[in-house]
């Protein structure tokens, strides 16, 4: 089953933005609990994109955008 492109694309973009924001917050957190909590939530956003991406119809440029942001989030997560 495929999700309509505008709705699915908006969801993927929102999850990626949330994940990137949480990863940045974790990076600057002094408190270990806050850092770990935000990293966990950033990973959950990453996993959600991986899970739902195959169900969303994306154009070529949309697919490149999502994959680029996904790689950026993956990189942010690896640095922690």
PDB file of N, CA and C in Angstrom:
ATOM      1  N   UNK A   1       0.835  -1.172   0.000  1.00  0.00           N
ATOM      2  CA  UNK A   1       0.000   0.000   0.000  1.00  0.00           C
ATOM      3  C   UNK A   1       0.888   1.246   0.000  1.00  0.00           C
ATOM      4  N   UNK A   2       0.578   2.178  -0.847  1.00  0.00           N
ATOM      5  CA  UNK A   2       1.343   3.413  -0.971  1.00  0.00           C
ATOM      6  C   UNK A   2       0.585   4.574  -0.348  1.00  0.00           C
ATOM      7  N   UNK A   3       1.331   5.453   0.304  1.00  0.00           N
ATOM      8  CA  UNK A   3       0.747   6.664   0.876  1.00  0.00           C
ATOM      9  C   UNK A   3       0.818   7.748  -0.190  1.00  0.00           C
ATOM     10  N   UNK A   4      -0.223   8.570  -0.283  1.00  0.00           N
ATOM     11  CA  UNK A   4      -0.232   9.660  -1.247  1.00  0.00           C
ATOM     12  C   UNK A   4       1.022  10.504  -1.073  1.00  0.00           C
ATOM     13  N   UNK A   5       1.612  10.899  -2.159  1.00  0.00           N
ATOM     14  CA  UNK A   5       2.879  11.609  -2.139  1.00  0.00           C
ATOM     15  C   UNK A   5       2.914  12.837  -1.228  1.00  0.00           C
ATOM     16  N   UNK A   6       1.966  13.784  -1.338  1.00  0.00           N
ATOM     17  CA  UNK A   6       2.079  14.966  -0.479  1.00  0.00           C
ATOM     18  C   UNK A   6       2.039  14.639   1.018  1.00  0.00           C
ATOM     19  N   UNK A   7       1.145  13.748   1.408  1.00  0.00           N
ATOM     20  CA  UNK A   7       1.029  13.381   2.816  1.00  0.00           C
ATOM     21  C   UNK A   7       2.246  12.596   3.283  1.00  0.00           C
ATOM     22  N   UNK A   8       2.627  11.608   2.514  1.00  0.00           N
ATOM     23  CA  UNK A   8       3.779  10.780   2.875  1.00  0.00           C
ATOM     24  C   UNK A   8       5.068  11.576   2.872  1.00  0.00           C
ATOM     25  N   UNK A   9       5.240  12.420   1.874  1.00  0.00           N
ATOM     26  CA  UNK A   9       6.437  13.251   1.793  1.00  0.00           C
ATOM     27  C   UNK A   9       6.508  14.198   2.981  1.00  0.00           C
ATOM     28  N   UNK A  10       5.397  14.807   3.338  1.00  0.00           N
ATOM     29  CA  UNK A  10       5.364  15.721   4.484  1.00  0.00           C
ATOM     30  C   UNK A  10       5.743  14.978   5.768  1.00  0.00           C
ATOM     31  N   UNK A  11       5.246  13.758   5.922  1.00  0.00           N
ATOM     32  CA  UNK A  11       5.579  12.951   7.097  1.00  0.00           C
ATOM     33  C   UNK A  11       7.077  12.665   7.148  1.00  0.00           C
ATOM     34  N   UNK A  12       7.641  12.216   6.028  1.00  0.00           N
ATOM     35  CA  UNK A  12       9.072  11.900   5.993  1.00  0.00           C
ATOM     36  C   UNK A  12       9.911  13.136   6.300  1.00  0.00           C
ATOM     37  N   UNK A  13       9.548  14.258   5.709  1.00  0.00           N
ATOM     38  CA  UNK A  13      10.287  15.502   5.963  1.00  0.00           C
ATOM     39  C   UNK A  13      10.205  15.900   7.435  1.00  0.00           C
ATOM     40  N   UNK A  14       9.025  15.781   8.019  1.00  0.00           N
ATOM     41  CA  UNK A  14       8.845  16.146   9.429  1.00  0.00           C
ATOM     42  C   UNK A  14       9.664  15.243  10.343  1.00  0.00           C
ATOM     43  N   UNK A  15       9.653  13.953  10.073  1.00  0.00           N
ATOM     44  CA  UNK A  15      10.426  13.015  10.891  1.00  0.00           C
ATOM     45  C   UNK A  15      11.925  13.305  10.782  1.00  0.00           C
ATOM     46  N   UNK A  16      12.382  13.586   9.571  1.00  0.00           N
ATOM     47  CA  UNK A  16      13.802  13.882   9.392  1.00  0.00           C
ATOM     48  C   UNK A  16      14.187  15.177  10.090  1.00  0.00           C
ATOM     49  N   UNK A  17      13.360  16.192   9.968  1.00  0.00           N
ATOM     50  CA  UNK A  17      13.656  17.461  10.644  1.00  0.00           C
ATOM     51  C   UNK A  17      13.666  17.279  12.152  1.00  0.00           C
ATOM     52  N   UNK A  18      12.709  16.520  12.661  1.00  0.00           N
ATOM     53  CA  UNK A  18      12.658  16.246  14.094  1.00  0.00           C
ATOM     54  C   UNK A  18      13.912  15.487  14.533  1.00  0.00           C
ATOM     55  N   UNK A  19      14.271  14.457  13.786  1.00  0.00           N
ATOM     56  CA  UNK A  19      15.458  13.675  14.123  1.00  0.00           C
ATOM     57  C   UNK A  19      16.730  14.507  14.117  1.00  0.00           C
ATOM     58  N   UNK A  20      16.881  15.357  13.102  1.00  0.00           N
ATOM     59  CA  UNK A  20      18.070  16.216  13.030  1.00  0.00           C
ATOM     60  C   UNK A  20      18.103  17.216  14.184  1.00  0.00           C
ATOM     61  N   UNK A  21      16.957  17.775  14.518  1.00  0.00           N
ATOM     62  CA  UNK A  21      16.889  18.720  15.631  1.00  0.00           C
ATOM     63  C   UNK A  21      17.244  18.035  16.948  1.00  0.00           C
ATOM     64  N   UNK A  22      16.693  16.858  17.170  1.00  0.00           N
ATOM     65  CA  UNK A  22      16.976  16.122  18.399  1.00  0.00           C
ATOM     66  C   UNK A  22      18.448  15.716  18.482  1.00  0.00           C
ATOM     67  N   UNK A  23      19.042  15.346  17.360  1.00  0.00           N
ATOM     68  CA  UNK A  23      20.465  14.988  17.349  1.00  0.00           C
ATOM     69  C   UNK A  23      21.323  16.196  17.710  1.00  0.00           C
ATOM     70  N   UNK A  24      20.952  17.371  17.208  1.00  0.00           N
ATOM     71  CA  UNK A  24      21.704  18.592  17.537  1.00  0.00           C
ATOM     72  C   UNK A  24      21.547  18.955  19.012  1.00  0.00           C
ATOM     73  N   UNK A  25      20.347  18.789  19.526  1.00  0.00           N
ATOM     74  CA  UNK A  25      20.112  19.063  20.949  1.00  0.00           C
ATOM     75  C   UNK A  25      20.964  18.107  21.788  1.00  0.00           C
ATOM     76  N   UNK A  26      20.995  16.847  21.401  1.00  0.00           N
ATOM     77  CA  UNK A  26      21.787  15.847  22.130  1.00  0.00           C
ATOM     78  C   UNK A  26      23.267  16.207  22.103  1.00  0.00           C
ATOM     79  N   UNK A  27      23.725  16.696  20.975  1.00  0.00           N
ATOM     80  CA  UNK A  27      25.133  17.038  20.826  1.00  0.00           C
ATOM     81  C   UNK A  27      25.556  18.136  21.799  1.00  0.00           C
ATOM     82  N   UNK A  28      24.669  19.074  22.044  1.00  0.00           N
ATOM     83  CA  UNK A  28      25.022  20.192  22.918  1.00  0.00           C
ATOM     84  C   UNK A  28      24.610  19.972  24.379  1.00  0.00           C
ATOM     85  N   UNK A  29      23.948  18.866  24.670  1.00  0.00           N
ATOM     86  CA  UNK A  29      23.467  18.604  26.034  1.00  0.00           C
ATOM     87  C   UNK A  29      24.622  18.273  26.971  1.00  0.00           C
ATOM     88  N   UNK A  30      24.606  18.905  28.113  1.00  0.00           N
ATOM     89  CA  UNK A  30      25.612  18.616  29.149  1.00  0.00           C
ATOM     90  C   UNK A  30      25.188  17.406  29.994  1.00  0.00           C
ATOM     91  N   UNK A  31      23.887  17.267  30.166  1.00  0.00           N
ATOM     92  CA  UNK A  31      23.327  16.188  30.982  1.00  0.00           C
ATOM     93  C   UNK A  31      23.238  14.895  30.168  1.00  0.00           C
ATOM     94  N   UNK A  32      23.813  13.822  30.684  1.00  0.00           N
ATOM     95  CA  UNK A  32      23.853  12.543  29.971  1.00  0.00           C
ATOM     96  C   UNK A  32      22.453  11.988  29.715  1.00  0.00           C
ATOM     97  N   UNK A  33      21.552  12.137  30.677  1.00  0.00           N
ATOM     98  CA  UNK A  33      20.184  11.638  30.489  1.00  0.00           C
ATOM     99  C   UNK A  33      19.486  12.365  29.344  1.00  0.00           C
ATOM    100  N   UNK A  34      19.645  13.673  29.307  1.00  0.00           N
ATOM    101  CA  UNK A  34      19.043  14.468  28.234  1.00  0.00           C
ATOM    102  C   UNK A  34      19.646  14.074  26.880  1.00  0.00           C
ATOM    103  N   UNK A  35      20.956  13.915  26.846  1.00  0.00           N
ATOM    104  CA  UNK A  35      21.639  13.512  25.615  1.00  0.00           C
ATOM    105  C   UNK A  35      21.120  12.157  25.131  1.00  0.00           C
ATOM    106  N   UNK A  36      21.069  11.194  26.030  1.00  0.00           N
ATOM    107  CA  UNK A  36      20.631   9.844  25.658  1.00  0.00           C
ATOM    108  C   UNK A  36      19.167   9.810  25.233  1.00  0.00           C
ATOM    109  N   UNK A  37      18.328  10.548  25.931  1.00  0.00           N
ATOM    110  CA  UNK A  37      16.898  10.608  25.606  1.00  0.00           C
ATOM    111  C   UNK A  37      16.699  11.198  24.207  1.00  0.00           C
ATOM    112  N   UNK A  38      17.404  12.274  23.907  1.00  0.00           N
ATOM    113  CA  UNK A  38      17.260  12.896  22.599  1.00  0.00           C
ATOM    114  C   UNK A  38      17.865  12.059  21.485  1.00  0.00           C
ATOM    115  N   UNK A  39      18.951  11.379  21.766  1.00  0.00           N
ATOM    116  CA  UNK A  39      19.522  10.472  20.770  1.00  0.00           C
ATOM    117  C   UNK A  39      18.574   9.315  20.475  1.00  0.00           C
ATOM    118  N   UNK A  40      17.937   8.787  21.508  1.00  0.00           N
ATOM    119  CA  UNK A  40      16.969   7.702  21.321  1.00  0.00           C
ATOM    120  C   UNK A  40      15.816   8.168  20.435  1.00  0.00           C
ATOM    121  N   UNK A  41      15.304   9.350  20.707  1.00  0.00           N
ATOM    122  CA  UNK A  41      14.201   9.873  19.898  1.00  0.00           C
ATOM    123  C   UNK A  41      14.644  10.187  18.473  1.00  0.00           C
ATOM    124  N   UNK A  42      15.865  10.649  18.305  1.00  0.00           N
ATOM    125  CA  UNK A  42      16.394  10.894  16.952  1.00  0.00           C
ATOM    126  C   UNK A  42      16.512   9.574  16.188  1.00  0.00           C
ATOM    127  N   UNK A  43      16.957   8.529  16.878  1.00  0.00           N
ATOM    128  CA  UNK A  43      17.047   7.200  16.239  1.00  0.00           C
ATOM    129  C   UNK A  43      15.663   6.682  15.869  1.00  0.00           C
ATOM    130  N   UNK A  44      14.680   6.938  16.712  1.00  0.00           N
ATOM    131  CA  UNK A  44      13.305   6.515  16.421  1.00  0.00           C
ATOM    132  C   UNK A  44      12.788   7.221  15.161  1.00  0.00           C
ATOM    133  N   UNK A  45      13.123   8.485  15.004  1.00  0.00           N
ATOM    134  CA  UNK A  45      12.727   9.218  13.799  1.00  0.00           C
ATOM    135  C   UNK A  45      13.417   8.614  12.571  1.00  0.00           C
ATOM    136  N   UNK A  46      14.683   8.301  12.695  1.00  0.00           N
ATOM    137  CA  UNK A  46      15.449   7.664  11.616  1.00  0.00           C
ATOM    138  C   UNK A  46      14.802   6.344  11.212  1.00  0.00           C
ATOM    139  N   UNK A  47      14.488   5.530  12.208  1.00  0.00           N
ATOM    140  CA  UNK A  47      13.863   4.225  11.961  1.00  0.00           C
ATOM    141  C   UNK A  47      12.484   4.375  11.314  1.00  0.00           C
ATOM    142  N   UNK A  48      11.724   5.383  11.729  1.00  0.00           N
ATOM    143  CA  UNK A  48      10.399   5.616  11.150  1.00  0.00           C
ATOM    144  C   UNK A  48      10.517   5.952   9.665  1.00  0.00           C
ATOM    145  N   UNK A  49      11.499   6.774   9.314  1.00  0.00           N
ATOM    146  CA  UNK A  49      11.696   7.112   7.900  1.00  0.00           C
ATOM    147  C   UNK A  49      12.072   5.859   7.112  1.00  0.00           C
ATOM    148  N   UNK A  50      12.981   5.063   7.646  1.00  0.00           N
ATOM    149  CA  UNK A  50      13.363   3.823   6.959  1.00  0.00           C
ATOM    150  C   UNK A  50      12.157   2.906   6.779  1.00  0.00           C
ATOM    151  N   UNK A  51      11.314   2.842   7.789  1.00  0.00           N
ATOM    152  CA  UNK A  51      10.143   1.962   7.750  1.00  0.00           C
ATOM    153  C   UNK A  51       9.100   2.427   6.729  1.00  0.00           C
ATOM    154  N   UNK A  52       8.801   3.718   6.733  1.00  0.00           N
ATOM    155  CA  UNK A  52       7.713   4.226   5.897  1.00  0.00           C
ATOM    156  C   UNK A  52       8.140   4.659   4.499  1.00  0.00           C
ATOM    157  N   UNK A  53       9.406   4.927   4.285  1.00  0.00           N
ATOM    158  CA  UNK A  53       9.863   5.406   2.987  1.00  0.00           C
ATOM    159  C   UNK A  53       9.441   4.495   1.827  1.00  0.00           C
ATOM    160  N   UNK A  54       9.531   3.175   1.969  1.00  0.00           N
ATOM    161  CA  UNK A  54       9.120   2.315   0.847  1.00  0.00           C
ATOM    162  C   UNK A  54       7.625   2.403   0.510  1.00  0.00           C
ATOM    163  N   UNK A  55       6.830   2.914   1.430  1.00  0.00           N
ATOM    164  CA  UNK A  55       5.382   2.983   1.187  1.00  0.00           C
ATOM    165  C   UNK A  55       4.949   4.319   0.585  1.00  0.00           C
ATOM    166  N   UNK A  56       5.891   5.237   0.437  1.00  0.00           N
ATOM    167  CA  UNK A  56       5.574   6.578  -0.070  1.00  0.00           C
ATOM    168  C   UNK A  56       6.055   6.698  -1.509  1.00  0.00           C
ATOM    169  N   UNK A  57       5.164   7.119  -2.397  1.00  0.00           N
ATOM    170  CA  UNK A  57       5.563   7.368  -3.776  1.00  0.00           C
ATOM    171  C   UNK A  57       6.314   8.692  -3.810  1.00  0.00           C
ATOM    172  N   UNK A  58       7.566   8.654  -4.261  1.00  0.00           N
ATOM    173  CA  UNK A  58       8.395   9.840  -4.348  1.00  0.00           C
ATOM    174  C   UNK A  58       8.890  10.025  -5.777  1.00  0.00           C
ATOM    175  N   UNK A  59       8.945  11.277  -6.209  1.00  0.00           N
ATOM    176  CA  UNK A  59       9.572  11.565  -7.500  1.00  0.00           C
ATOM    177  C   UNK A  59      11.077  11.397  -7.330  1.00  0.00           C
ATOM    178  N   UNK A  60      11.789  11.458  -8.416  1.00  0.00           N
ATOM    179  CA  UNK A  60      13.244  11.329  -8.350  1.00  0.00           C
ATOM    180  C   UNK A  60      13.889  12.370  -7.464  1.00  0.00           C
ATOM    181  N   UNK A  61      13.478  13.629  -7.614  1.00  0.00           N
ATOM    182  CA  UNK A  61      14.081  14.693  -6.805  1.00  0.00           C
ATOM    183  C   UNK A  61      13.674  14.574  -5.335  1.00  0.00           C
ATOM    184  N   UNK A  62      12.445  14.154  -5.073  1.00  0.00           N
ATOM    185  CA  UNK A  62      12.007  13.964  -3.691  1.00  0.00           C
ATOM    186  C   UNK A  62      12.791  12.824  -3.036  1.00  0.00           C
ATOM    187  N   UNK A  63      12.989  11.762  -3.784  1.00  0.00           N
ATOM    188  CA  UNK A  63      13.744  10.623  -3.273  1.00  0.00           C
ATOM    189  C   UNK A  63      15.184  11.029  -2.930  1.00  0.00           C
ATOM    190  N   UNK A  64      15.808  11.812  -3.800  1.00  0.00           N
ATOM    191  CA  UNK A  64      17.178  12.283  -3.541  1.00  0.00           C
ATOM    192  C   UNK A  64      17.222  13.147  -2.290  1.00  0.00           C
ATOM    193  N   UNK A  65      16.228  14.037  -2.145  1.00  0.00           N
ATOM    194  CA  UNK A  65      16.160  14.918  -0.972  1.00  0.00           C
ATOM    195  C   UNK A  65      16.056  14.104   0.316  1.00  0.00           C
ATOM    196  N   UNK A  66      15.133  13.142   0.328  1.00  0.00           N
ATOM    197  CA  UNK A  66      14.911  12.331   1.527  1.00  0.00           C
ATOM    198  C   UNK A  66      16.155  11.495   1.837  1.00  0.00           C
ATOM    199  N   UNK A  67      16.747  10.896   0.823  1.00  0.00           N
ATOM    200  CA  UNK A  67      17.949  10.079   1.047  1.00  0.00           C
ATOM    201  C   UNK A  67      19.113  10.930   1.563  1.00  0.00           C
ATOM    202  N   UNK A  68      19.246  12.153   1.044  1.00  0.00           N
ATOM    203  CA  UNK A  68      20.312  13.051   1.492  1.00  0.00           C
ATOM    204  C   UNK A  68      20.121  13.404   2.970  1.00  0.00           C
ATOM    205  N   UNK A  69      18.898  13.743   3.342  1.00  0.00           N
ATOM    206  CA  UNK A  69      18.610  14.095   4.738  1.00  0.00           C
ATOM    207  C   UNK A  69      18.750  12.879   5.649  1.00  0.00           C
ATOM    208  N   UNK A  70      18.370  11.719   5.143  1.00  0.00           N
ATOM    209  CA  UNK A  70      18.503  10.488   5.916  1.00  0.00           C
ATOM    210  C   UNK A  70      19.974  10.196   6.193  1.00  0.00           C
ATOM    211  N   UNK A  71      20.819  10.401   5.191  1.00  0.00           N
ATOM    212  CA  UNK A  71      22.261  10.204   5.377  1.00  0.00           C
ATOM    213  C   UNK A  71      22.831  11.205   6.376  1.00  0.00           C
ATOM    214  N   UNK A  72      22.337  12.443   6.319  1.00  0.00           N
ATOM    215  CA  UNK A  72      22.791  13.458   7.265  1.00  0.00           C
ATOM    216  C   UNK A  72      22.415  13.067   8.695  1.00  0.00           C
ATOM    217  N   UNK A  73      21.188  12.586   8.867  1.00  0.00           N
ATOM    218  CA  UNK A  73      20.755  12.147  10.196  1.00  0.00           C
ATOM    219  C   UNK A  73      21.574  10.948  10.657  1.00  0.00           C
ATOM    220  N   UNK A  74      21.806  10.020   9.769  1.00  0.00           N
ATOM    221  CA  UNK A  74      22.617   8.838  10.105  1.00  0.00           C
ATOM    222  C   UNK A  74      24.009   9.261  10.559  1.00  0.00           C
ATOM    223  N   UNK A  75      24.585  10.215   9.846  1.00  0.00           N
ATOM    224  CA  UNK A  75      25.906  10.727  10.206  1.00  0.00           C
ATOM    225  C   UNK A  75      25.895  11.391  11.575  1.00  0.00           C
ATOM    226  N   UNK A  76      24.864  12.189  11.833  1.00  0.00           N
ATOM    227  CA  UNK A  76      24.733  12.847  13.147  1.00  0.00           C
ATOM    228  C   UNK A  76      24.656  11.788  14.261  1.00  0.00           C
ATOM    229  N   UNK A  77      23.906  10.743  14.024  1.00  0.00           N
ATOM    230  CA  UNK A  77      23.749   9.696  15.029  1.00  0.00           C
ATOM    231  C   UNK A  77      25.056   8.943  15.260  1.00  0.00           C
ATOM    232  N   UNK A  78      25.830   8.752  14.219  1.00  0.00           N
ATOM    233  CA  UNK A  78      27.109   8.036  14.354  1.00  0.00           C
ATOM    234  C   UNK A  78      28.126   8.825  15.150  1.00  0.00           C
ATOM    235  N   UNK A  79      28.038  10.135  15.135  1.00  0.00           N
ATOM    236  CA  UNK A  79      29.010  10.966  15.848  1.00  0.00           C
ATOM    237  C   UNK A  79      28.760  11.019  17.359  1.00  0.00           C
ATOM    238  N   UNK A  80      27.724  10.343  17.814  1.00  0.00           N
ATOM    239  CA  UNK A  80      27.417  10.375  19.255  1.00  0.00           C
ATOM    240  C   UNK A  80      27.736   9.066  19.899  1.00  0.00           C
TER     241      UNK A  80
END
